[in-house]
């Protein structure tokens, strides 16, 4: 199992949700409102006020998925979320040692 995390622009969430739900094996996702800023090499705030307000709203998506659907999910997130501009976001994937779906107490795979 893998954990996929992505930070995307808020206006991409609706399209992304519909696309991901159409992928066989999509296990669901958690969505959070977050704020982010560009890397210092891309943009440097010129004063304290700008430094304190140099954050833009983003959406963080978290998905724990079986290995066999991870590539399809990452490809869909990338395709839907890209606009070609700085600030489009980031996707990363990490190993998950264990997952327990609480509604049935089943470890490691999605229950039927």
C-alpha atoms as a PDB file:
ATOM      1  CA  UNK A   1       0.000   0.000   0.000  1.00  0.00           C
ATOM      2  CA  UNK A   2       1.034   3.567  -0.646  1.00  0.00           C
ATOM      3  CA  UNK A   3       0.020   6.961   0.621  1.00  0.00           C
ATOM      4  CA  UNK A   4      -0.444   9.569  -2.068  1.00  0.00           C
ATOM      5  CA  UNK A   5      -0.433  13.194  -0.973  1.00  0.00           C
ATOM      6  CA  UNK A   6      -1.007  16.095  -3.297  1.00  0.00           C
ATOM      7  CA  UNK A   7      -1.287  19.833  -2.866  1.00  0.00           C
ATOM      8  CA  UNK A   8      -3.339  21.403  -5.658  1.00  0.00           C
ATOM      9  CA  UNK A   9      -5.173  24.589  -6.566  1.00  0.00           C
ATOM     10  CA  UNK A  10      -8.692  24.740  -5.057  1.00  0.00           C
ATOM     11  CA  UNK A  11     -10.369  25.246  -8.447  1.00  0.00           C
ATOM     12  CA  UNK A  12      -9.103  21.825  -9.600  1.00  0.00           C
ATOM     13  CA  UNK A  13     -10.775  19.811  -6.819  1.00  0.00           C
ATOM     14  CA  UNK A  14     -14.183  19.252  -8.418  1.00  0.00           C
ATOM     15  CA  UNK A  15     -12.756  17.926 -11.699  1.00  0.00           C
ATOM     16  CA  UNK A  16     -10.194  15.842  -9.850  1.00  0.00           C
ATOM     17  CA  UNK A  17     -12.806  14.266  -7.602  1.00  0.00           C
ATOM     18  CA  UNK A  18     -14.923  13.170 -10.556  1.00  0.00           C
ATOM     19  CA  UNK A  19     -11.893  11.801 -12.414  1.00  0.00           C
ATOM     20  CA  UNK A  20     -10.593   9.848  -9.416  1.00  0.00           C
ATOM     21  CA  UNK A  21     -14.016   8.369  -8.632  1.00  0.00           C
ATOM     22  CA  UNK A  22     -14.116   6.929 -12.163  1.00  0.00           C
ATOM     23  CA  UNK A  23     -10.864   4.977 -11.660  1.00  0.00           C
ATOM     24  CA  UNK A  24     -11.511   1.331 -10.707  1.00  0.00           C
ATOM     25  CA  UNK A  25     -10.127   0.633  -7.254  1.00  0.00           C
ATOM     26  CA  UNK A  26     -10.193   4.270  -6.091  1.00  0.00           C
ATOM     27  CA  UNK A  27     -10.348   3.919  -2.298  1.00  0.00           C
ATOM     28  CA  UNK A  28     -11.547   7.430  -1.418  1.00  0.00           C
ATOM     29  CA  UNK A  29      -9.610  10.436  -0.181  1.00  0.00           C
ATOM     30  CA  UNK A  30      -9.262  12.967   2.592  1.00  0.00           C
ATOM     31  CA  UNK A  31      -9.337  16.633   1.611  1.00  0.00           C
ATOM     32  CA  UNK A  32      -7.997  19.524   3.710  1.00  0.00           C
ATOM     33  CA  UNK A  33      -7.781  23.257   3.144  1.00  0.00           C
ATOM     34  CA  UNK A  34      -4.176  24.410   3.536  1.00  0.00           C
ATOM     35  CA  UNK A  35      -2.018  27.409   2.667  1.00  0.00           C
ATOM     36  CA  UNK A  36       1.325  27.417   0.921  1.00  0.00           C
ATOM     37  CA  UNK A  37       4.028  29.648  -0.470  1.00  0.00           C
ATOM     38  CA  UNK A  38       6.574  29.410  -3.252  1.00  0.00           C
ATOM     39  CA  UNK A  39      10.153  28.319  -2.742  1.00  0.00           C
ATOM     40  CA  UNK A  40      12.518  31.201  -1.860  1.00  0.00           C
ATOM     41  CA  UNK A  41      14.343  30.877  -5.182  1.00  0.00           C
ATOM     42  CA  UNK A  42      11.075  31.563  -7.023  1.00  0.00           C
ATOM     43  CA  UNK A  43       9.796  34.509  -4.989  1.00  0.00           C
ATOM     44  CA  UNK A  44      11.227  36.511  -2.110  1.00  0.00           C
ATOM     45  CA  UNK A  45       8.888  38.696  -0.070  1.00  0.00           C
ATOM     46  CA  UNK A  46      10.155  42.280  -0.081  1.00  0.00           C
ATOM     47  CA  UNK A  47       8.918  43.282   3.381  1.00  0.00           C
ATOM     48  CA  UNK A  48       7.527  41.858   6.619  1.00  0.00           C
ATOM     49  CA  UNK A  49       3.891  42.419   5.639  1.00  0.00           C
ATOM     50  CA  UNK A  50       4.349  40.528   2.391  1.00  0.00           C
ATOM     51  CA  UNK A  51       6.274  37.796   4.196  1.00  0.00           C
ATOM     52  CA  UNK A  52       3.401  37.274   6.636  1.00  0.00           C
ATOM     53  CA  UNK A  53       0.736  37.239   3.903  1.00  0.00           C
ATOM     54  CA  UNK A  54       2.660  35.427   1.149  1.00  0.00           C
ATOM     55  CA  UNK A  55       0.481  32.332   1.389  1.00  0.00           C
ATOM     56  CA  UNK A  56      -2.109  31.213  -1.100  1.00  0.00           C
ATOM     57  CA  UNK A  57      -5.003  28.834  -0.466  1.00  0.00           C
ATOM     58  CA  UNK A  58      -4.435  25.251  -1.565  1.00  0.00           C
ATOM     59  CA  UNK A  59      -6.107  21.867  -1.163  1.00  0.00           C
ATOM     60  CA  UNK A  60      -4.255  18.848   0.249  1.00  0.00           C
ATOM     61  CA  UNK A  61      -5.473  15.437  -0.835  1.00  0.00           C
ATOM     62  CA  UNK A  62      -4.481  12.264   0.981  1.00  0.00           C
ATOM     63  CA  UNK A  63      -5.159   8.788  -0.407  1.00  0.00           C
ATOM     64  CA  UNK A  64      -4.098   5.405   0.970  1.00  0.00           C
ATOM     65  CA  UNK A  65      -4.299   2.999  -1.957  1.00  0.00           C
ATOM     66  CA  UNK A  66      -3.283  -0.491  -3.041  1.00  0.00           C
ATOM     67  CA  UNK A  67      -0.068  -0.561  -5.084  1.00  0.00           C
ATOM     68  CA  UNK A  68      -1.873  -1.603  -8.272  1.00  0.00           C
ATOM     69  CA  UNK A  69      -3.871   1.650  -8.569  1.00  0.00           C
ATOM     70  CA  UNK A  70      -1.218   4.138  -7.404  1.00  0.00           C
ATOM     71  CA  UNK A  71       0.206   4.908 -10.863  1.00  0.00           C
ATOM     72  CA  UNK A  72      -3.273   5.538 -12.299  1.00  0.00           C
ATOM     73  CA  UNK A  73      -4.172   7.837  -9.395  1.00  0.00           C
ATOM     74  CA  UNK A  74      -0.920   9.824  -9.591  1.00  0.00           C
ATOM     75  CA  UNK A  75      -1.258  10.189 -13.369  1.00  0.00           C
ATOM     76  CA  UNK A  76      -4.834  11.459 -13.000  1.00  0.00           C
ATOM     77  CA  UNK A  77      -3.907  13.928 -10.256  1.00  0.00           C
ATOM     78  CA  UNK A  78      -1.036  15.250 -12.358  1.00  0.00           C
ATOM     79  CA  UNK A  79      -3.069  15.519 -15.568  1.00  0.00           C
ATOM     80  CA  UNK A  80      -6.068  17.254 -13.987  1.00  0.00           C
ATOM     81  CA  UNK A  81      -4.123  19.556 -11.642  1.00  0.00           C
ATOM     82  CA  UNK A  82      -1.574  21.021 -14.057  1.00  0.00           C
ATOM     83  CA  UNK A  83      -2.177  24.446 -15.508  1.00  0.00           C
ATOM     84  CA  UNK A  84       1.438  25.059 -16.517  1.00  0.00           C
ATOM     85  CA  UNK A  85       1.927  27.824 -13.965  1.00  0.00           C
ATOM     86  CA  UNK A  86       4.028  28.148 -10.845  1.00  0.00           C
ATOM     87  CA  UNK A  87       1.972  27.187  -7.831  1.00  0.00           C
ATOM     88  CA  UNK A  88       0.160  24.260  -9.453  1.00  0.00           C
ATOM     89  CA  UNK A  89       1.220  22.092  -6.520  1.00  0.00           C
ATOM     90  CA  UNK A  90       3.066  18.866  -5.781  1.00  0.00           C
ATOM     91  CA  UNK A  91       2.386  15.124  -5.539  1.00  0.00           C
ATOM     92  CA  UNK A  92       4.367  12.652  -3.468  1.00  0.00           C
ATOM     93  CA  UNK A  93       4.024   8.948  -2.705  1.00  0.00           C
ATOM     94  CA  UNK A  94       5.184   7.127   0.429  1.00  0.00           C
ATOM     95  CA  UNK A  95       5.085   3.509   1.573  1.00  0.00           C
ATOM     96  CA  UNK A  96       2.431   2.542   4.098  1.00  0.00           C
ATOM     97  CA  UNK A  97       3.472  -0.215   6.480  1.00  0.00           C
ATOM     98  CA  UNK A  98      -0.053  -0.955   7.629  1.00  0.00           C
ATOM     99  CA  UNK A  99      -3.563   0.399   7.171  1.00  0.00           C
ATOM    100  CA  UNK A 100      -6.664  -0.618   9.085  1.00  0.00           C
ATOM    101  CA  UNK A 101     -10.054   0.345   7.704  1.00  0.00           C
ATOM    102  CA  UNK A 102     -11.891   1.127  10.925  1.00  0.00           C
ATOM    103  CA  UNK A 103     -15.407   0.284   9.882  1.00  0.00           C
ATOM    104  CA  UNK A 104     -14.512  -3.422   9.667  1.00  0.00           C
ATOM    105  CA  UNK A 105     -11.132  -3.591  11.380  1.00  0.00           C
ATOM    106  CA  UNK A 106      -9.612  -5.065   8.230  1.00  0.00           C
ATOM    107  CA  UNK A 107      -5.882  -4.505   7.781  1.00  0.00           C
ATOM    108  CA  UNK A 108      -4.065  -4.045   4.518  1.00  0.00           C
ATOM    109  CA  UNK A 109      -6.834  -4.160   1.924  1.00  0.00           C
ATOM    110  CA  UNK A 110     -10.210  -2.679   1.238  1.00  0.00           C
ATOM    111  CA  UNK A 111     -12.958  -4.919   2.610  1.00  0.00           C
ATOM    112  CA  UNK A 112     -15.792  -6.106   0.393  1.00  0.00           C
END
